[in-house]
Amino acid sequence: MMIWQRDVSLDSLNHMSQTCMLSHLGIVFTHIGESCLEATMPVDDRTRQPFGLLHGGASVVLAESLGSVAGWLCTPPGASVVGSEINATHLRAVSQGEVRGICQPLHLGQRTQVWQIEIVDPRQTLCCVSRLTTTVIQP
């Protein structure tokens, strides 16, 4: 069942991301499914911590970006969403390549939404799982 309330393309999402943190970190939206949104992020000098591993904060940026955009896509025009709580559990280190975030809803209410974001490494091994709660702001 399609959950999106806005008609938006991957090109328009990536264009919208050109002037914010997403483009700085190399985050690219890659798939809009019926009830999931996906994006990739490189593991490079922009996203690694000083010890050469993917920075946990970069993973959280990917997760919150996916959940916030997905939340916005689930609202009617004029409404918006803001993140109100996020957590992340880092399961496996990644030192190179590209990670992929897969965002799916756990709860879609009129006032709050809860999103689960799984981040996988180039071998499709789960390296981080995150949960984002958003608050829906009606016009």
Foldseek 3Di string as FASTA:
>chain_A
DAQFQDDDDQVRVVVVPCPDPCVQQPWGWDDDDRFKTKIKGWQDPSQDDPVQWGDPVVVVVRVLVRVQVSLQRNDHPQKHKDWDDKDKDFADTDRGDMKMKMKGWPDDDPFKTKIWIFIAGPVRHTGMIMIIMMTMGHD
